[in-house]
Amino acid sequence: LHPAQWRLLRAAVAPGPDDLFVTGDPHQRIYDAHVSLA
């Protein structure tokens, strides 16, 4: 996922407990998305 997509997901849910649950593997990154979630 690209930072623009992450900004949308961050906006889709209010910050708080159990807002976002994220799974993934950088070894399977095949679309060149460089992201700093923090």
Full PDB file with SEQRES, HELIX, SHEET, SSBOND, CRYST1, ORIGX, SCALE, CONECT and MASTER records, all heavy atoms in Angstrom:
SEQRES   1 A   38  LEU HIS PRO ALA GLN TRP ARG LEU LEU ARG ALA ALA VAL          
SEQRES   2 A   38  ALA PRO GLY PRO ASP ASP LEU PHE VAL THR GLY ASP PRO          
SEQRES   3 A   38  HIS GLN ARG ILE TYR ASP ALA HIS VAL SER LEU ALA              
HELIX    1 AA1 PRO A    3  ALA A   11  1                                   9    
HELIX    2 AA2 PRO A   26  GLN A   28  5                                   3    
CRYST1    1.000    1.000    1.000  90.00  90.00  90.00 P 1           1          
ORIGX1      1.000000  0.000000  0.000000        0.00000                         
ORIGX2      0.000000  1.000000  0.000000        0.00000                         
ORIGX3      0.000000  0.000000  1.000000        0.00000                         
SCALE1      1.000000  0.000000  0.000000        0.00000                         
SCALE2      0.000000  1.000000  0.000000        0.00000                         
SCALE3      0.000000  0.000000  1.000000        0.00000                         
ATOM      1  N   LEU A   1       0.833  -1.205   0.000  1.00  0.00           N  
ATOM      2  CA  LEU A   1       0.000   0.000   0.000  1.00  0.00           C  
ATOM      3  C   LEU A   1       0.868   1.256   0.000  1.00  0.00           C  
ATOM      4  O   LEU A   1       1.903   1.324   0.658  1.00  0.00           O  
ATOM      5  CB  LEU A   1      -0.931   0.006   1.210  1.00  0.00           C  
ATOM      6  CG  LEU A   1      -1.999  -1.094   1.232  1.00  0.00           C  
ATOM      7  CD1 LEU A   1      -2.872  -0.939   2.468  1.00  0.00           C  
ATOM      8  CD2 LEU A   1      -2.850  -1.068  -0.032  1.00  0.00           C  
ATOM      9  N   HIS A   2       0.416   2.259  -0.724  1.00  0.00           N  
ATOM     10  CA  HIS A   2       1.114   3.531  -0.896  1.00  0.00           C  
ATOM     11  C   HIS A   2       0.722   4.495   0.233  1.00  0.00           C  
ATOM     12  O   HIS A   2      -0.363   4.373   0.811  1.00  0.00           O  
ATOM     13  CB  HIS A   2       0.705   4.098  -2.262  1.00  0.00           C  
ATOM     14  CG  HIS A   2       1.397   5.355  -2.646  1.00  0.00           C  
ATOM     15  ND1 HIS A   2       0.934   6.604  -2.280  1.00  0.00           N  
ATOM     16  CD2 HIS A   2       2.517   5.569  -3.380  1.00  0.00           C  
ATOM     17  CE1 HIS A   2       1.733   7.530  -2.773  1.00  0.00           C  
ATOM     18  NE2 HIS A   2       2.708   6.931  -3.454  1.00  0.00           N  
ATOM     19  N   PRO A   3       1.579   5.469   0.576  1.00  0.00           N  
ATOM     20  CA  PRO A   3       1.213   6.434   1.625  1.00  0.00           C  
ATOM     21  C   PRO A   3      -0.135   7.110   1.404  1.00  0.00           C  
ATOM     22  O   PRO A   3      -0.858   7.382   2.370  1.00  0.00           O  
ATOM     23  CB  PRO A   3       2.362   7.447   1.575  1.00  0.00           C  
ATOM     24  CG  PRO A   3       3.542   6.641   1.126  1.00  0.00           C  
ATOM     25  CD  PRO A   3       2.986   5.642   0.150  1.00  0.00           C  
ATOM     26  N   ALA A   4      -0.507   7.395   0.153  1.00  0.00           N  
ATOM     27  CA  ALA A   4      -1.816   8.009  -0.098  1.00  0.00           C  
ATOM     28  C   ALA A   4      -2.942   7.073   0.322  1.00  0.00           C  
ATOM     29  O   ALA A   4      -3.976   7.513   0.841  1.00  0.00           O  
ATOM     30  CB  ALA A   4      -1.957   8.372  -1.578  1.00  0.00           C  
ATOM     31  N   GLN A   5      -2.753   5.787   0.114  1.00  0.00           N  
ATOM     32  CA  GLN A   5      -3.755   4.809   0.538  1.00  0.00           C  
ATOM     33  C   GLN A   5      -3.791   4.693   2.053  1.00  0.00           C  
ATOM     34  O   GLN A   5      -4.866   4.563   2.649  1.00  0.00           O  
ATOM     35  CB  GLN A   5      -3.449   3.460  -0.115  1.00  0.00           C  
ATOM     36  CG  GLN A   5      -3.595   3.479  -1.630  1.00  0.00           C  
ATOM     37  CD  GLN A   5      -3.040   2.241  -2.290  1.00  0.00           C  
ATOM     38  OE1 GLN A   5      -1.946   1.790  -1.976  1.00  0.00           O  
ATOM     39  NE2 GLN A   5      -3.807   1.677  -3.220  1.00  0.00           N  
ATOM     40  N   TRP A   6      -2.621   4.777   2.683  1.00  0.00           N  
ATOM     41  CA  TRP A   6      -2.581   4.727   4.148  1.00  0.00           C  
ATOM     42  C   TRP A   6      -3.241   5.961   4.768  1.00  0.00           C  
ATOM     43  O   TRP A   6      -3.891   5.857   5.811  1.00  0.00           O  
ATOM     44  CB  TRP A   6      -1.130   4.609   4.632  1.00  0.00           C  
ATOM     45  CG  TRP A   6      -0.575   3.221   4.530  1.00  0.00           C  
ATOM     46  CD1 TRP A   6       0.426   2.786   3.727  1.00  0.00           C  
ATOM     47  CD2 TRP A   6      -1.010   2.075   5.271  1.00  0.00           C  
ATOM     48  NE1 TRP A   6       0.642   1.444   3.901  1.00  0.00           N  
ATOM     49  CE2 TRP A   6      -0.216   0.987   4.848  1.00  0.00           C  
ATOM     50  CE3 TRP A   6      -1.996   1.857   6.234  1.00  0.00           C  
ATOM     51  CZ2 TRP A   6      -0.371  -0.296   5.370  1.00  0.00           C  
ATOM     52  CZ3 TRP A   6      -2.155   0.587   6.757  1.00  0.00           C  
ATOM     53  CH2 TRP A   6      -1.351  -0.472   6.331  1.00  0.00           C  
ATOM     54  N   ARG A   7      -3.070   7.116   4.155  1.00  0.00           N  
ATOM     55  CA  ARG A   7      -3.744   8.315   4.691  1.00  0.00           C  
ATOM     56  C   ARG A   7      -5.256   8.130   4.655  1.00  0.00           C  
ATOM     57  O   ARG A   7      -5.971   8.559   5.575  1.00  0.00           O  
ATOM     58  CB  ARG A   7      -3.329   9.555   3.886  1.00  0.00           C  
ATOM     59  CG  ARG A   7      -1.910  10.022   4.132  1.00  0.00           C  
ATOM     60  CD  ARG A   7      -1.682  11.448   3.656  1.00  0.00           C  
ATOM     61  NE  ARG A   7      -1.867  11.590   2.230  1.00  0.00           N  
ATOM     62  CZ  ARG A   7      -0.910  11.383   1.317  1.00  0.00           C  
ATOM     63  NH1 ARG A   7       0.303  11.008   1.705  1.00  0.00           N  
ATOM     64  NH2 ARG A   7      -1.157  11.560   0.037  1.00  0.00           N  
ATOM     65  N   LEU A   8      -5.743   7.481   3.602  1.00  0.00           N  
ATOM     66  CA  LEU A   8      -7.182   7.224   3.515  1.00  0.00           C  
ATOM     67  C   LEU A   8      -7.623   6.264   4.618  1.00  0.00           C  
ATOM     68  O   LEU A   8      -8.650   6.488   5.276  1.00  0.00           O  
ATOM     69  CB  LEU A   8      -7.522   6.653   2.145  1.00  0.00           C  
ATOM     70  CG  LEU A   8      -8.971   6.164   1.954  1.00  0.00           C  
ATOM     71  CD1 LEU A   8      -9.959   7.288   2.230  1.00  0.00           C  
ATOM     72  CD2 LEU A   8      -9.155   5.604   0.554  1.00  0.00           C  
ATOM     73  N   LEU A   9      -6.866   5.202   4.834  1.00  0.00           N  
ATOM     74  CA  LEU A   9      -7.237   4.236   5.869  1.00  0.00           C  
ATOM     75  C   LEU A   9      -7.163   4.863   7.259  1.00  0.00           C  
ATOM     76  O   LEU A   9      -7.994   4.556   8.125  1.00  0.00           O  
ATOM     77  CB  LEU A   9      -6.332   3.007   5.782  1.00  0.00           C  
ATOM     78  CG  LEU A   9      -6.464   2.179   4.495  1.00  0.00           C  
ATOM     79  CD1 LEU A   9      -5.497   0.999   4.511  1.00  0.00           C  
ATOM     80  CD2 LEU A   9      -7.900   1.680   4.320  1.00  0.00           C  
ATOM     81  N   ARG A  10      -6.180   5.745   7.458  1.00  0.00           N  
ATOM     82  CA  ARG A  10      -6.091   6.433   8.749  1.00  0.00           C  
ATOM     83  C   ARG A  10      -7.328   7.310   8.964  1.00  0.00           C  
ATOM     84  O   ARG A  10      -7.861   7.405  10.083  1.00  0.00           O  
ATOM     85  CB  ARG A  10      -4.821   7.267   8.789  1.00  0.00           C  
ATOM     86  CG  ARG A  10      -4.603   8.146  10.018  1.00  0.00           C  
ATOM     87  CD  ARG A  10      -4.400   7.379  11.311  1.00  0.00           C  
ATOM     88  NE  ARG A  10      -5.644   6.842  11.873  1.00  0.00           N  
ATOM     89  CZ  ARG A  10      -5.715   6.095  12.959  1.00  0.00           C  
ATOM     90  NH1 ARG A  10      -4.597   5.789  13.621  1.00  0.00           N  
ATOM     91  NH2 ARG A  10      -6.876   5.649  13.397  1.00  0.00           N  
ATOM     92  N   ALA A  11      -7.817   7.930   7.882  1.00  0.00           N  
ATOM     93  CA  ALA A  11      -8.998   8.787   7.981  1.00  0.00           C  
ATOM     94  C   ALA A  11     -10.288   7.993   8.102  1.00  0.00           C  
ATOM     95  O   ALA A  11     -11.308   8.531   8.543  1.00  0.00           O  
ATOM     96  CB  ALA A  11      -9.071   9.707   6.760  1.00  0.00           C  
ATOM     97  N   ALA A  12     -10.254   6.709   7.733  1.00  0.00           N  
ATOM     98  CA  ALA A  12     -11.476   5.900   7.712  1.00  0.00           C  
ATOM     99  C   ALA A  12     -11.908   5.440   9.091  1.00  0.00           C  
ATOM    100  O   ALA A  12     -13.037   4.952   9.258  1.00  0.00           O  
ATOM    101  CB  ALA A  12     -11.277   4.678   6.814  1.00  0.00           C  
ATOM    102  N   VAL A  13     -11.039   5.581  10.106  1.00  0.00           N  
ATOM    103  CA  VAL A  13     -11.368   5.115  11.447  1.00  0.00           C  
ATOM    104  C   VAL A  13     -10.779   6.084  12.459  1.00  0.00           C  
ATOM    105  O   VAL A  13      -9.643   6.549  12.311  1.00  0.00           O  
ATOM    106  CB  VAL A  13     -10.835   3.679  11.672  1.00  0.00           C  
ATOM    107  CG1 VAL A  13      -9.334   3.585  11.473  1.00  0.00           C  
ATOM    108  CG2 VAL A  13     -11.232   3.147  13.043  1.00  0.00           C  
ATOM    109  N   ALA A  14     -11.554   6.401  13.478  1.00  0.00           N  
ATOM    110  CA  ALA A  14     -11.071   7.324  14.506  1.00  0.00           C  
ATOM    111  C   ALA A  14      -9.946   6.677  15.307  1.00  0.00           C  
ATOM    112  O   ALA A  14     -10.014   5.486  15.633  1.00  0.00           O  
ATOM    113  CB  ALA A  14     -12.220   7.708  15.435  1.00  0.00           C  
ATOM    114  N   PRO A  15      -8.882   7.429  15.631  1.00  0.00           N  
ATOM    115  CA  PRO A  15      -7.795   6.866  16.438  1.00  0.00           C  
ATOM    116  C   PRO A  15      -8.313   6.368  17.786  1.00  0.00           C  
ATOM    117  O   PRO A  15      -9.166   6.996  18.407  1.00  0.00           O  
ATOM    118  CB  PRO A  15      -6.842   8.052  16.615  1.00  0.00           C  
ATOM    119  CG  PRO A  15      -7.149   8.964  15.467  1.00  0.00           C  
ATOM    120  CD  PRO A  15      -8.625   8.819  15.238  1.00  0.00           C  
ATOM    121  N   GLY A  16      -7.801   5.222  18.212  1.00  0.00           N  
ATOM    122  CA  GLY A  16      -8.216   4.660  19.481  1.00  0.00           C  
ATOM    123  C   GLY A  16      -7.950   3.178  19.534  1.00  0.00           C  
ATOM    124  O   GLY A  16      -7.344   2.598  18.614  1.00  0.00           O  
ATOM    125  N   PRO A  17      -8.381   2.513  20.599  1.00  0.00           N  
ATOM    126  CA  PRO A  17      -8.163   1.074  20.719  1.00  0.00           C  
ATOM    127  C   PRO A  17      -8.753   0.312  19.536  1.00  0.00           C  
ATOM    128  O   PRO A  17      -9.864   0.590  19.091  1.00  0.00           O  
ATOM    129  CB  PRO A  17      -8.879   0.720  22.028  1.00  0.00           C  
ATOM    130  CG  PRO A  17      -8.893   1.989  22.812  1.00  0.00           C  
ATOM    131  CD  PRO A  17      -9.049   3.075  21.792  1.00  0.00           C  
ATOM    132  N   ASP A  18      -7.981  -0.640  19.009  1.00  0.00           N  
ATOM    133  CA  ASP A  18      -8.441  -1.544  17.939  1.00  0.00           C  
ATOM    134  C   ASP A  18      -8.879  -0.804  16.681  1.00  0.00           C  
ATOM    135  O   ASP A  18      -9.767  -1.262  15.963  1.00  0.00           O  
ATOM    136  CB  ASP A  18      -9.584  -2.431  18.444  1.00  0.00           C  
ATOM    137  CG  ASP A  18      -9.175  -3.272  19.634  1.00  0.00           C  
ATOM    138  OD1 ASP A  18      -8.123  -3.922  19.557  1.00  0.00           O  
ATOM    139  OD2 ASP A  18      -9.892  -3.260  20.650  1.00  0.00           O  
ATOM    140  N   ASP A  19      -8.272   0.345  16.415  1.00  0.00           N  
ATOM    141  CA  ASP A  19      -8.658   1.090  15.215  1.00  0.00           C  
ATOM    142  C   ASP A  19      -8.145   0.409  13.949  1.00  0.00           C  
ATOM    143  O   ASP A  19      -8.900   0.158  13.011  1.00  0.00           O  
ATOM    144  CB  ASP A  19      -8.198   2.544  15.298  1.00  0.00           C  
ATOM    145  CG  ASP A  19      -6.723   2.698  15.646  1.00  0.00           C  
ATOM    146  OD1 ASP A  19      -6.056   1.673  15.923  1.00  0.00           O  
ATOM    147  OD2 ASP A  19      -6.227   3.846  15.654  1.00  0.00           O  
ATOM    148  N   LEU A  20      -6.847   0.088  13.903  1.00  0.00           N  
ATOM    149  CA  LEU A  20      -6.258  -0.532  12.721  1.00  0.00           C  
ATOM    150  C   LEU A  20      -5.534  -1.820  13.110  1.00  0.00           C  
ATOM    151  O   LEU A  20      -4.781  -1.851  14.093  1.00  0.00           O  
ATOM    152  CB  LEU A  20      -5.265   0.418  12.062  1.00  0.00           C  
ATOM    153  CG  LEU A  20      -5.852   1.542  11.207  1.00  0.00           C  
ATOM    154  CD1 LEU A  20      -4.916   2.736  11.182  1.00  0.00           C  
ATOM    155  CD2 LEU A  20      -6.104   1.049   9.796  1.00  0.00           C  
ATOM    156  N   PHE A  21      -5.763  -2.880  12.338  1.00  0.00           N  
ATOM    157  CA  PHE A  21      -5.056  -4.144  12.517  1.00  0.00           C  
ATOM    158  C   PHE A  21      -4.432  -4.473  11.166  1.00  0.00           C  
ATOM    159  O   PHE A  21      -5.144  -4.644  10.171  1.00  0.00           O  
ATOM    160  CB  PHE A  21      -6.017  -5.245  12.962  1.00  0.00           C  
ATOM    161  CG  PHE A  21      -5.335  -6.529  13.357  1.00  0.00           C  
ATOM    162  CD1 PHE A  21      -4.842  -6.699  14.644  1.00  0.00           C  
ATOM    163  CD2 PHE A  21      -5.182  -7.562  12.445  1.00  0.00           C  
ATOM    164  CE1 PHE A  21      -4.216  -7.883  15.019  1.00  0.00           C  
ATOM    165  CE2 PHE A  21      -4.562  -8.748  12.807  1.00  0.00           C  
ATOM    166  CZ  PHE A  21      -4.078  -8.915  14.102  1.00  0.00           C  
ATOM    167  N   VAL A  22      -3.101  -4.544  11.116  1.00  0.00           N  
ATOM    168  CA  VAL A  22      -2.368  -4.575   9.856  1.00  0.00           C  
ATOM    169  C   VAL A  22      -1.536  -5.850   9.754  1.00  0.00           C  
ATOM    170  O   VAL A  22      -0.807  -6.192  10.694  1.00  0.00           O  
ATOM    171  CB  VAL A  22      -1.437  -3.348   9.759  1.00  0.00           C  
ATOM    172  CG1 VAL A  22      -0.595  -3.400   8.495  1.00  0.00           C  
ATOM    173  CG2 VAL A  22      -2.244  -2.057   9.825  1.00  0.00           C  
ATOM    174  N   THR A  23      -1.641  -6.567   8.637  1.00  0.00           N  
ATOM    175  CA  THR A  23      -0.793  -7.729   8.405  1.00  0.00           C  
ATOM    176  C   THR A  23      -0.067  -7.573   7.075  1.00  0.00           C  
ATOM    177  O   THR A  23      -0.619  -7.022   6.115  1.00  0.00           O  
ATOM    178  CB  THR A  23      -1.596  -9.044   8.373  1.00  0.00           C  
ATOM    179  OG1 THR A  23      -2.401  -9.093   7.193  1.00  0.00           O  
ATOM    180  CG2 THR A  23      -2.477  -9.172   9.597  1.00  0.00           C  
ATOM    181  N   GLY A  24       1.171  -8.062   7.015  1.00  0.00           N  
ATOM    182  CA  GLY A  24       1.929  -7.966   5.772  1.00  0.00           C  
ATOM    183  C   GLY A  24       3.327  -8.516   5.926  1.00  0.00           C  
ATOM    184  O   GLY A  24       3.747  -8.936   7.009  1.00  0.00           O  
ATOM    185  N   ASP A  25       4.076  -8.505   4.820  1.00  0.00           N  
ATOM    186  CA  ASP A  25       5.427  -9.063   4.787  1.00  0.00           C  
ATOM    187  C   ASP A  25       6.270  -8.252   3.806  1.00  0.00           C  
ATOM    188  O   ASP A  25       6.010  -8.274   2.604  1.00  0.00           O  
ATOM    189  CB  ASP A  25       5.380 -10.528   4.345  1.00  0.00           C  
ATOM    190  CG  ASP A  25       6.775 -11.123   4.182  1.00  0.00           C  
ATOM    191  OD1 ASP A  25       7.728 -10.573   4.770  1.00  0.00           O  
ATOM    192  OD2 ASP A  25       6.912 -12.134   3.473  1.00  0.00           O  
ATOM    193  N   PRO A  26       7.287  -7.535   4.276  1.00  0.00           N  
ATOM    194  CA  PRO A  26       8.112  -6.734   3.364  1.00  0.00           C  
ATOM    195  C   PRO A  26       8.842  -7.571   2.325  1.00  0.00           C  
ATOM    196  O   PRO A  26       9.231  -7.051   1.279  1.00  0.00           O  
ATOM    197  CB  PRO A  26       9.090  -6.017   4.300  1.00  0.00           C  
ATOM    198  CG  PRO A  26       9.098  -6.830   5.557  1.00  0.00           C  
ATOM    199  CD  PRO A  26       7.723  -7.396   5.678  1.00  0.00           C  
ATOM    200  N   HIS A  27       9.045  -8.871   2.573  1.00  0.00           N  
ATOM    201  CA  HIS A  27       9.703  -9.732   1.597  1.00  0.00           C  
ATOM    202  C   HIS A  27       8.809 -10.017   0.397  1.00  0.00           C  
ATOM    203  O   HIS A  27       9.271 -10.567  -0.603  1.00  0.00           O  
ATOM    204  CB  HIS A  27      10.113 -11.052   2.259  1.00  0.00           C  
ATOM    205  CG  HIS A  27      11.018 -10.869   3.430  1.00  0.00           C  
ATOM    206  ND1 HIS A  27      10.523 -10.628   4.694  1.00  0.00           N  
ATOM    207  CD2 HIS A  27      12.361 -10.852   3.532  1.00  0.00           C  
ATOM    208  CE1 HIS A  27      11.544 -10.488   5.527  1.00  0.00           C  
ATOM    209  NE2 HIS A  27      12.660 -10.612   4.853  1.00  0.00           N  
ATOM    210  N   GLN A  28       7.530  -9.662   0.505  1.00  0.00           N  
ATOM    211  CA  GLN A  28       6.603  -9.866  -0.602  1.00  0.00           C  
ATOM    212  C   GLN A  28       6.155  -8.532  -1.203  1.00  0.00           C  
ATOM    213  O   GLN A  28       5.109  -8.449  -1.828  1.00  0.00           O  
ATOM    214  CB  GLN A  28       5.390 -10.657  -0.121  1.00  0.00           C  
ATOM    215  CG  GLN A  28       5.753 -12.042   0.416  1.00  0.00           C  
ATOM    216  CD  GLN A  28       4.527 -12.810   0.859  1.00  0.00           C  
ATOM    217  OE1 GLN A  28       3.689 -13.189   0.056  1.00  0.00           O  
ATOM    218  NE2 GLN A  28       4.422 -13.047   2.168  1.00  0.00           N  
ATOM    219  N   ARG A  29       6.959  -7.497  -1.024  1.00  0.00           N  
ATOM    220  CA  ARG A  29       6.619  -6.184  -1.571  1.00  0.00           C  
ATOM    221  C   ARG A  29       6.936  -6.175  -3.061  1.00  0.00           C  
ATOM    222  O   ARG A  29       8.093  -6.207  -3.458  1.00  0.00           O  
ATOM    223  CB  ARG A  29       7.405  -5.092  -0.845  1.00  0.00           C  
ATOM    224  CG  ARG A  29       7.050  -3.677  -1.281  1.00  0.00           C  
ATOM    225  CD  ARG A  29       7.846  -2.647  -0.503  1.00  0.00           C  
ATOM    226  NE  ARG A  29       7.383  -2.534   0.870  1.00  0.00           N  
ATOM    227  CZ  ARG A  29       8.166  -2.614   1.940  1.00  0.00           C  
ATOM    228  NH1 ARG A  29       9.453  -2.855   1.802  1.00  0.00           N  
ATOM    229  NH2 ARG A  29       7.655  -2.488   3.157  1.00  0.00           N  
ATOM    230  N   ILE A  30       5.892  -6.142  -3.888  1.00  0.00           N  
ATOM    231  CA  ILE A  30       6.105  -6.247  -5.332  1.00  0.00           C  
ATOM    232  C   ILE A  30       5.592  -5.024  -6.091  1.00  0.00           C  
ATOM    233  O   ILE A  30       5.610  -5.024  -7.317  1.00  0.00           O  
ATOM    234  CB  ILE A  30       5.446  -7.522  -5.897  1.00  0.00           C  
ATOM    235  CG1 ILE A  30       3.930  -7.489  -5.709  1.00  0.00           C  
ATOM    236  CG2 ILE A  30       6.035  -8.761  -5.271  1.00  0.00           C  
ATOM    237  CD1 ILE A  30       3.207  -8.673  -6.337  1.00  0.00           C  
ATOM    238  N   TYR A  31       5.168  -3.973  -5.367  1.00  0.00           N  
ATOM    239  CA  TYR A  31       4.665  -2.792  -6.050  1.00  0.00           C  
ATOM    240  C   TYR A  31       5.384  -1.520  -5.625  1.00  0.00           C  
ATOM    241  O   TYR A  31       4.883  -0.422  -5.821  1.00  0.00           O  
ATOM    242  CB  TYR A  31       3.156  -2.642  -5.831  1.00  0.00           C  
ATOM    243  CG  TYR A  31       2.356  -3.669  -6.601  1.00  0.00           C  
ATOM    244  CD1 TYR A  31       1.782  -4.754  -5.953  1.00  0.00           C  
ATOM    245  CD2 TYR A  31       2.194  -3.563  -7.978  1.00  0.00           C  
ATOM    246  CE1 TYR A  31       1.053  -5.701  -6.652  1.00  0.00           C  
ATOM    247  CE2 TYR A  31       1.474  -4.513  -8.686  1.00  0.00           C  
ATOM    248  CZ  TYR A  31       0.902  -5.572  -8.023  1.00  0.00           C  
ATOM    249  OH  TYR A  31       0.184  -6.514  -8.721  1.00  0.00           O  
ATOM    250  N   ASP A  32       6.567  -1.661  -5.009  1.00  0.00           N  
ATOM    251  CA  ASP A  32       7.446  -0.515  -4.779  1.00  0.00           C  
ATOM    252  C   ASP A  32       6.789   0.590  -3.968  1.00  0.00           C  
ATOM    253  O   ASP A  32       6.789   1.758  -4.356  1.00  0.00           O  
ATOM    254  CB  ASP A  32       7.935   0.043  -6.124  1.00  0.00           C  
ATOM    255  CG  ASP A  32       9.140   0.962  -5.950  1.00  0.00           C  
ATOM    256  OD1 ASP A  32       9.819   0.823  -4.935  1.00  0.00           O  
ATOM    257  OD2 ASP A  32       9.378   1.800  -6.833  1.00  0.00           O  
ATOM    258  N   ALA A  33       6.195   0.226  -2.835  1.00  0.00           N  
ATOM    259  CA  ALA A  33       5.582   1.229  -1.958  1.00  0.00           C  
ATOM    260  C   ALA A  33       6.490   1.453  -0.748  1.00  0.00           C  
ATOM    261  O   ALA A  33       6.729   0.535   0.031  1.00  0.00           O  
ATOM    262  CB  ALA A  33       4.211   0.753  -1.495  1.00  0.00           C  
ATOM    263  N   HIS A  34       7.036   2.660  -0.619  1.00  0.00           N  
ATOM    264  CA  HIS A  34       7.915   3.006   0.491  1.00  0.00           C  
ATOM    265  C   HIS A  34       7.105   3.773   1.534  1.00  0.00           C  
ATOM    266  O   HIS A  34       6.621   4.869   1.253  1.00  0.00           O  
ATOM    267  CB  HIS A  34       9.087   3.853   0.012  1.00  0.00           C  
ATOM    268  CG  HIS A  34       9.902   3.186  -1.055  1.00  0.00           C  
ATOM    269  ND1 HIS A  34      10.796   3.859  -1.849  1.00  0.00           N  
ATOM    270  CD2 HIS A  34       9.953   1.886  -1.448  1.00  0.00           C  
ATOM    271  CE1 HIS A  34      11.369   3.014  -2.693  1.00  0.00           C  
ATOM    272  NE2 HIS A  34      10.866   1.819  -2.470  1.00  0.00           N  
ATOM    273  N   VAL A  35       6.974   3.207   2.717  1.00  0.00           N  
ATOM    274  CA  VAL A  35       6.032   3.767   3.690  1.00  0.00           C  
ATOM    275  C   VAL A  35       6.657   3.831   5.074  1.00  0.00           C  
ATOM    276  O   VAL A  35       7.358   2.906   5.498  1.00  0.00           O  
ATOM    277  CB  VAL A  35       4.745   2.907   3.766  1.00  0.00           C  
ATOM    278  CG1 VAL A  35       3.796   3.483   4.800  1.00  0.00           C  
ATOM    279  CG2 VAL A  35       4.056   2.855   2.409  1.00  0.00           C  
ATOM    280  N   SER A  36       6.407   4.924   5.777  1.00  0.00           N  
ATOM    281  CA  SER A  36       6.647   5.026   7.204  1.00  0.00           C  
ATOM    282  C   SER A  36       5.295   5.217   7.870  1.00  0.00           C  
ATOM    283  O   SER A  36       4.698   6.290   7.793  1.00  0.00           O  
ATOM    284  CB  SER A  36       7.564   6.205   7.531  1.00  0.00           C  
ATOM    285  OG  SER A  36       7.508   6.503   8.910  1.00  0.00           O  
ATOM    286  N   LEU A  37       4.785   4.147   8.490  1.00  0.00           N  
ATOM    287  CA  LEU A  37       3.458   4.227   9.095  1.00  0.00           C  
ATOM    288  C   LEU A  37       3.412   5.266  10.213  1.00  0.00           C  
ATOM    289  O   LEU A  37       2.418   5.977  10.362  1.00  0.00           O  
ATOM    290  CB  LEU A  37       3.049   2.854   9.636  1.00  0.00           C  
ATOM    291  CG  LEU A  37       2.780   1.752   8.605  1.00  0.00           C  
ATOM    292  CD1 LEU A  37       2.329   0.483   9.304  1.00  0.00           C  
ATOM    293  CD2 LEU A  37       1.740   2.205   7.590  1.00  0.00           C  
ATOM    294  N   ALA A  38       4.485   5.354  10.988  1.00  0.00           N  
ATOM    295  CA  ALA A  38       4.482   6.301  12.108  1.00  0.00           C  
ATOM    296  C   ALA A  38       4.294   7.731  11.619  1.00  0.00           C  
ATOM    297  O   ALA A  38       3.596   8.533  12.246  1.00  0.00           O  
ATOM    298  CB  ALA A  38       5.776   6.168  12.900  1.00  0.00           C  
TER     299      ALA A  38                                                      
MASTER        0    0    0    2    0    0    0    6  298    1    0    3          
END                                                                             
